[in-house]
């Protein structure tokens, strides 16, 4: 367990004092408490905070619900869960309890003391609500970075598809589509959380959430546009595959057209009759080859004039 007191002057780590916490009202004005609990300490939260004893807390159930959400536990206490990414790009749940004077979080979840200290010194973390809003903005920035990476990947994939479509690219498009859909679901859930938090803020509290809600809405529009672009990319892939198949069929058709007269000529001279033109002549085979070459030349000449050999 790590216990901190955050004030306009900075952040200070203190010893955990159960009696002072339960007594309430022990913190000076413009101060609030930041408590970081481990998994085991999270389970024993009602024992640490006497004013949580009467709350219908199913902490085990809350902990396994990692999808972005907000639950009102009492008139002054809310459970909030964000969905963020760590340094390795893995999804992590940022869960915390929020009240006017306390911010209780399970684990650091990608947030470290140095970062919070920087927020406090810059004056943007003056209350638990500010801290929750900063974390929400951080989540949104990470989602924006994810969307930019997906767009870059989509541009690279589109360029490769236009040059040489392959069956493996279809799998990449499907993966892209799933990632965009997952990102859209996450942003939708976070927008609901941010809107709920904006509505539960105290009346005298500055409206710090409206801009975050609007930014999330704009990012959702970008995700929807990206999803449409993925659909267009899938159609472009199918069109490229169809064009390639058409090219193959065109060349096969041209080849069959060239060989068809020669096949007829070969069949004619291969008939089992005694008297056929050139059959018993020494130069008959040379005449056959010359006629075949002439047929091929004339066929290519006709194809070239009609521009069938050009892409």
Protein backbone atom coordinates (compact mmCIF):
# COMPACT_ATOMS: atom_id res chain seq x y z
CA UNK A 1 0.00 0.00 0.00
CA UNK A 2 1.23 3.47 -0.87
CA UNK A 3 -0.42 6.54 0.61
CA UNK A 4 0.11 10.07 -0.70
CA UNK A 5 -1.22 13.49 0.21
CA UNK A 6 -1.55 15.81 -2.77
CA UNK A 7 -1.67 19.54 -2.19
CA UNK A 8 -1.00 22.69 -4.23
CA UNK A 9 2.56 22.52 -2.94
CA UNK A 10 3.25 19.08 -4.33
CA UNK A 11 2.88 15.41 -3.50
CA UNK A 12 4.03 13.82 -0.26
CA UNK A 13 4.13 10.18 0.68
CA UNK A 14 2.92 9.49 4.21
CA UNK A 15 2.36 6.53 6.47
CA UNK A 16 -1.03 4.90 6.23
CA UNK A 17 -3.15 6.09 9.20
CA UNK A 18 -6.47 4.25 9.38
CA UNK A 19 -7.87 6.35 12.20
CA UNK A 20 -7.25 9.65 10.46
CA UNK A 21 -8.71 8.35 7.20
CA UNK A 22 -11.85 6.99 8.82
CA UNK A 23 -12.30 10.12 10.89
CA UNK A 24 -12.69 12.14 7.70
CA UNK A 25 -12.20 15.86 7.40
CA UNK A 26 -8.58 15.57 8.52
CA UNK A 27 -7.19 16.87 5.24
CA UNK A 28 -6.80 20.62 4.79
CA UNK A 29 -8.66 22.40 2.03
CA UNK A 30 -7.31 21.89 -1.51
CA UNK A 31 -5.71 18.62 -0.38
CA UNK A 32 -6.73 15.10 -1.34
CA UNK A 33 -5.50 11.60 -0.68
CA UNK A 34 -4.08 9.25 -3.32
CA UNK A 35 -4.01 5.62 -2.22
CA UNK A 36 -2.44 2.87 -4.34
CA UNK A 37 -3.58 -0.61 -3.33
CA UNK A 38 -2.40 -4.03 -4.42
CA UNK A 39 -4.78 -6.77 -5.56
CA UNK A 40 -5.03 -8.24 -2.05
CA UNK A 41 -5.50 -4.85 -0.41
CA UNK A 42 -8.23 -4.03 -2.94
CA UNK A 43 -10.19 -7.06 -1.70
CA UNK A 44 -9.91 -5.79 1.88
CA UNK A 45 -10.91 -2.23 1.02
CA UNK A 46 -14.06 -2.13 3.25
CA UNK A 47 -11.83 -2.94 6.22
CA UNK A 48 -9.58 0.02 5.48
CA UNK A 49 -12.34 2.53 4.99
CA UNK A 50 -15.17 2.47 7.46
CA UNK A 51 -17.43 4.59 5.22
CA UNK A 52 -17.23 1.82 2.59
CA UNK A 53 -18.57 -0.86 4.93
CA UNK A 54 -22.21 -0.14 4.08
CA UNK A 55 -21.65 0.07 0.34
CA UNK A 56 -22.81 -2.86 -1.84
CA UNK A 57 -19.25 -3.55 -2.99
CA UNK A 58 -18.59 -6.72 -4.93
CA UNK A 59 -14.91 -5.96 -5.41
CA UNK A 60 -14.10 -9.31 -7.01
CA UNK A 61 -16.79 -8.78 -9.64
CA UNK A 62 -15.67 -5.20 -10.27
CA UNK A 63 -12.07 -6.24 -10.70
CA UNK A 64 -12.74 -8.77 -13.46
CA UNK A 65 -14.82 -6.26 -15.44
CA UNK A 66 -11.99 -4.61 -17.36
CA UNK A 67 -14.16 -3.01 -20.02
CA UNK A 68 -14.53 0.79 -19.61
CA UNK A 69 -17.37 1.53 -17.23
CA UNK A 70 -18.53 3.65 -14.32
CA UNK A 71 -20.67 2.61 -11.37
CA UNK A 72 -22.15 4.79 -8.70
CA UNK A 73 -21.52 3.15 -5.31
CA UNK A 74 -22.96 5.94 -3.19
CA UNK A 75 -23.88 9.60 -3.48
CA UNK A 76 -20.19 10.56 -3.25
CA UNK A 77 -18.24 7.48 -4.35
CA UNK A 78 -17.92 6.14 -7.91
CA UNK A 79 -16.10 3.15 -9.32
CA UNK A 80 -14.40 3.93 -12.65
CA UNK A 81 -12.56 1.67 -15.07
CA UNK A 82 -10.56 2.89 -18.06
CA UNK A 83 -8.94 0.70 -20.70
CA UNK A 84 -5.37 1.76 -21.47
CA UNK A 85 -2.20 0.33 -23.01
CA UNK A 86 1.13 -0.17 -21.27
CA UNK A 87 4.63 0.43 -22.66
CA UNK A 88 4.56 -2.95 -24.43
CA UNK A 89 1.25 -2.16 -26.11
CA UNK A 90 -0.73 -4.61 -23.96
CA UNK A 91 -4.23 -3.69 -22.81
CA UNK A 92 -4.49 -2.89 -19.09
CA UNK A 93 -7.46 -1.90 -16.94
CA UNK A 94 -7.09 1.30 -14.93
CA UNK A 95 -9.53 0.89 -12.02
CA UNK A 96 -10.08 3.37 -9.23
CA UNK A 97 -12.60 4.65 -6.68
CA UNK A 98 -13.33 8.34 -6.88
CA UNK A 99 -14.69 10.76 -4.32
CA UNK A 100 -14.28 14.45 -3.61
CA UNK A 101 -11.29 13.94 -1.29
CA UNK A 102 -9.87 10.53 -2.23
CA UNK A 103 -8.53 8.75 -5.27
CA UNK A 104 -8.06 5.03 -4.63
CA UNK A 105 -6.42 3.02 -7.39
CA UNK A 106 -5.48 -0.64 -7.68
CA UNK A 107 -1.87 -0.78 -8.85
CA UNK A 108 -0.12 1.87 -10.91
CA UNK A 109 -1.30 0.44 -14.26
CA UNK A 110 1.09 2.40 -16.42
CA UNK A 111 0.95 5.49 -14.19
CA UNK A 112 4.06 6.11 -12.08
CA UNK A 113 4.84 8.45 -9.23
CA UNK A 114 7.12 10.60 -11.38
CA UNK A 115 4.29 11.25 -13.83
CA UNK A 116 1.79 12.15 -11.11
CA UNK A 117 4.36 14.42 -9.46
CA UNK A 118 4.80 16.21 -12.78
CA UNK A 119 1.04 16.69 -13.08
CA UNK A 120 0.82 18.06 -9.55
CA UNK A 121 3.72 20.49 -10.00
CA UNK A 122 2.24 21.78 -13.26
CA UNK A 123 -1.00 22.58 -11.39
CA UNK A 124 -3.28 20.38 -13.49
CA UNK A 125 -4.01 17.85 -10.75
CA UNK A 126 -5.76 19.82 -8.03
CA UNK A 127 -8.41 17.27 -7.05
CA UNK A 128 -9.35 13.61 -7.58
CA UNK A 129 -11.61 14.73 -10.42
CA UNK A 130 -8.70 16.45 -12.15
CA UNK A 131 -6.57 13.34 -11.76
CA UNK A 132 -9.34 11.17 -13.24
CA UNK A 133 -9.69 13.62 -16.14
CA UNK A 134 -5.92 13.61 -16.81
CA UNK A 135 -5.91 9.82 -16.88
CA UNK A 136 -8.86 9.86 -19.27
CA UNK A 137 -7.03 12.29 -21.55
CA UNK A 138 -3.99 10.00 -21.41
CA UNK A 139 -6.13 7.04 -22.47
CA UNK A 140 -7.55 9.09 -25.35
CA UNK A 141 -4.05 10.06 -26.54
CA UNK A 142 -3.05 6.41 -26.57
CA UNK A 143 -6.14 5.55 -28.61
CA UNK A 144 -5.26 8.34 -31.04
CA UNK A 145 -1.75 6.89 -31.41
CA UNK A 146 -3.26 3.45 -32.06
CA UNK A 147 -5.50 4.87 -34.75
CA UNK A 148 -2.56 6.63 -36.42
CA UNK A 149 -0.58 3.38 -36.43
CA UNK A 150 -3.53 1.55 -37.99
CA UNK A 151 -3.84 4.23 -40.67
CA UNK A 152 -0.11 3.99 -41.47
CA UNK A 153 -0.37 0.21 -41.68
CA UNK A 154 -3.41 0.55 -43.92
CA UNK A 155 -1.56 2.92 -46.27
CA UNK A 156 1.37 0.50 -46.53
CA UNK A 157 -0.94 -2.42 -47.16
CA UNK A 158 -2.84 -0.52 -49.84
CA UNK A 159 0.38 0.30 -51.66
CA UNK A 160 1.44 -3.34 -51.66
CA UNK A 161 -2.00 -4.47 -52.83
CA UNK A 162 -1.90 -2.12 -55.78
CA UNK A 163 1.49 -3.52 -56.82
CA UNK A 164 0.95 -7.22 -56.25
CA UNK A 165 -2.17 -8.61 -54.55
CA UNK A 166 -1.69 -11.78 -52.53
CA UNK A 167 -4.01 -14.01 -50.54
CA UNK A 168 -2.13 -13.25 -47.28
CA UNK A 169 -3.11 -9.60 -47.61
CA UNK A 170 -6.76 -10.49 -47.08
CA UNK A 171 -5.86 -11.80 -43.61
CA UNK A 172 -4.11 -8.51 -42.87
CA UNK A 173 -7.21 -6.57 -43.91
CA UNK A 174 -9.41 -8.70 -41.64
CA UNK A 175 -7.03 -8.11 -38.72
CA UNK A 176 -7.10 -4.38 -39.43
CA UNK A 177 -10.88 -4.38 -39.48
CA UNK A 178 -11.08 -6.20 -36.14
CA UNK A 179 -8.64 -3.76 -34.55
CA UNK A 180 -10.60 -0.76 -35.81
CA UNK A 181 -13.86 -2.25 -34.54
CA UNK A 182 -12.26 -2.96 -31.15
CA UNK A 183 -10.95 0.60 -31.01
CA UNK A 184 -14.41 1.95 -31.86
CA UNK A 185 -16.02 -0.10 -29.08
CA UNK A 186 -13.42 1.11 -26.59
CA UNK A 187 -13.92 4.77 -27.54
CA UNK A 188 -17.70 4.41 -27.36
CA UNK A 189 -17.41 2.97 -23.85
CA UNK A 190 -14.97 5.68 -22.75
CA UNK A 191 -17.25 8.37 -24.12
CA UNK A 192 -20.08 7.01 -21.96
CA UNK A 193 -17.77 7.02 -18.93
CA UNK A 194 -16.57 10.57 -19.59
CA UNK A 195 -20.15 11.80 -20.10
CA UNK A 196 -21.28 10.16 -16.84
CA UNK A 197 -18.35 11.70 -14.98
CA UNK A 198 -19.17 15.10 -16.43
CA UNK A 199 -22.73 14.74 -15.10
CA UNK A 200 -21.72 13.70 -11.59
CA UNK A 201 -19.25 16.52 -11.02
CA UNK A 202 -20.12 18.91 -8.17
CA UNK A 203 -21.95 22.02 -9.31
CA UNK A 204 -19.14 24.30 -8.16
CA UNK A 205 -16.54 22.17 -9.94
CA UNK A 206 -15.17 23.48 -13.24
CA UNK A 207 -16.47 21.73 -16.32
CA UNK A 208 -13.17 20.01 -17.16
CA UNK A 209 -14.85 17.04 -18.84
CA UNK A 210 -16.69 18.67 -21.71
CA UNK A 211 -13.58 19.12 -23.83
CA UNK A 212 -12.60 15.50 -23.19
CA UNK A 213 -16.06 14.32 -24.25
CA UNK A 214 -15.84 16.40 -27.43
CA UNK A 215 -12.34 15.11 -28.22
CA UNK A 216 -13.58 11.55 -27.78
CA UNK A 217 -16.49 12.25 -30.12
CA UNK A 218 -14.12 13.64 -32.75
CA UNK A 219 -11.88 10.60 -32.40
CA UNK A 220 -14.91 8.35 -32.82
CA UNK A 221 -15.68 10.09 -36.09
CA UNK A 222 -12.09 9.47 -37.20
CA UNK A 223 -12.42 5.80 -36.29
CA UNK A 224 -15.66 5.50 -38.26
CA UNK A 225 -13.96 7.06 -41.28
CA UNK A 226 -11.04 4.67 -40.86
CA UNK A 227 -13.48 1.76 -40.72
CA UNK A 228 -14.98 2.91 -44.00
CA UNK A 229 -11.47 3.15 -45.47
CA UNK A 230 -10.79 -0.42 -44.39
CA UNK A 231 -13.96 -1.48 -46.20
CA UNK A 232 -12.72 0.41 -49.27
CA UNK A 233 -9.36 -1.29 -48.91
CA UNK A 234 -11.08 -4.66 -48.88
CA UNK A 235 -12.95 -3.74 -52.04
CA UNK A 236 -9.70 -2.51 -53.61
CA UNK A 237 -8.06 -5.83 -52.75
CA UNK A 238 -10.94 -7.75 -54.34
CA UNK A 239 -10.77 -5.52 -57.42
CA UNK A 240 -7.00 -6.08 -57.67
CA UNK A 241 -7.48 -9.84 -57.38
CA UNK A 242 -10.21 -9.74 -60.03
CA UNK A 243 -8.01 -7.69 -62.35
CA UNK A 244 -5.17 -10.14 -61.90
CA UNK A 245 -7.51 -13.04 -62.63
CA UNK A 246 -8.76 -11.20 -65.72
CA UNK A 247 -5.18 -10.71 -66.92
CA UNK A 248 -4.48 -14.42 -66.48
CA UNK A 249 -7.65 -15.37 -68.31
CA UNK A 250 -6.82 -12.91 -71.09
CA UNK A 251 -3.41 -14.45 -71.69
CA UNK A 252 -4.83 -17.95 -71.55
CA UNK A 253 -7.48 -16.96 -74.05
CA UNK A 254 -4.91 -15.41 -76.37
CA UNK A 255 -2.72 -18.48 -76.12
CA UNK A 256 -5.69 -20.77 -76.85
CA UNK A 257 -6.65 -18.58 -79.81
CA UNK A 258 -3.14 -18.84 -81.26
CA UNK A 259 -2.92 -22.59 -80.76
CA UNK A 260 -6.40 -23.38 -82.03
CA UNK A 261 -5.58 -23.01 -85.81
CA UNK A 262 -2.37 -25.00 -85.31
CA UNK A 263 -4.33 -27.74 -83.51
CA UNK A 264 -6.77 -27.86 -86.43
CA UNK A 265 -3.87 -28.04 -88.88
CA UNK A 266 -2.21 -30.80 -86.86
CA UNK A 267 -5.44 -32.74 -86.67
CA UNK A 268 -5.85 -32.43 -90.43
CA UNK A 269 -2.43 -33.85 -91.21
CA UNK A 270 -2.86 -36.48 -88.52
CA UNK A 271 -5.89 -38.07 -90.17
CA UNK A 272 -5.50 -41.70 -91.21
CA UNK A 273 -5.80 -41.24 -95.00
CA UNK A 274 -3.32 -42.28 -97.64
CA UNK A 275 -3.74 -39.33 -99.95
CA UNK A 276 -3.29 -35.95 -98.23
CA UNK A 277 -1.56 -32.82 -99.53
CA UNK A 278 2.18 -32.81 -98.81
CA UNK A 279 1.90 -36.10 -96.88
CA UNK A 280 4.49 -37.92 -99.00
CA UNK A 281 6.64 -34.90 -99.83
CA UNK A 282 10.07 -34.42 -98.24
CA UNK A 283 9.42 -30.76 -97.65
CA UNK A 284 5.92 -31.31 -96.21
CA UNK A 285 6.99 -30.91 -92.56
CA UNK A 286 8.78 -27.63 -93.39
CA UNK A 287 5.64 -26.31 -95.05
CA UNK A 288 3.69 -27.28 -91.93
CA UNK A 289 6.12 -25.36 -89.69
CA UNK A 290 6.03 -22.33 -91.96
CA UNK A 291 2.24 -22.29 -91.96
CA UNK A 292 2.24 -22.59 -88.14
CA UNK A 293 4.71 -19.71 -87.79
CA UNK A 294 2.64 -17.61 -90.19
CA UNK A 295 -0.50 -18.30 -88.14
CA UNK A 296 1.28 -17.27 -84.91
CA UNK A 297 2.64 -14.11 -86.55
CA UNK A 298 -0.74 -13.10 -87.97
CA UNK A 299 -2.45 -13.77 -84.63
CA UNK A 300 0.07 -11.59 -82.76
CA UNK A 301 -0.28 -8.88 -85.39
CA UNK A 302 -4.07 -8.85 -85.04
CA UNK A 303 -3.82 -8.82 -81.21
CA UNK A 304 -1.32 -5.98 -81.30
CA UNK A 305 -3.41 -3.83 -83.63
CA UNK A 306 -6.45 -4.33 -81.42
CA UNK A 307 -4.29 -3.51 -78.34
CA UNK A 308 -5.18 -6.77 -76.63
CA UNK A 309 -1.54 -7.36 -75.67
CA UNK A 310 -1.34 -4.10 -73.74
CA UNK A 311 -2.43 -3.58 -70.14
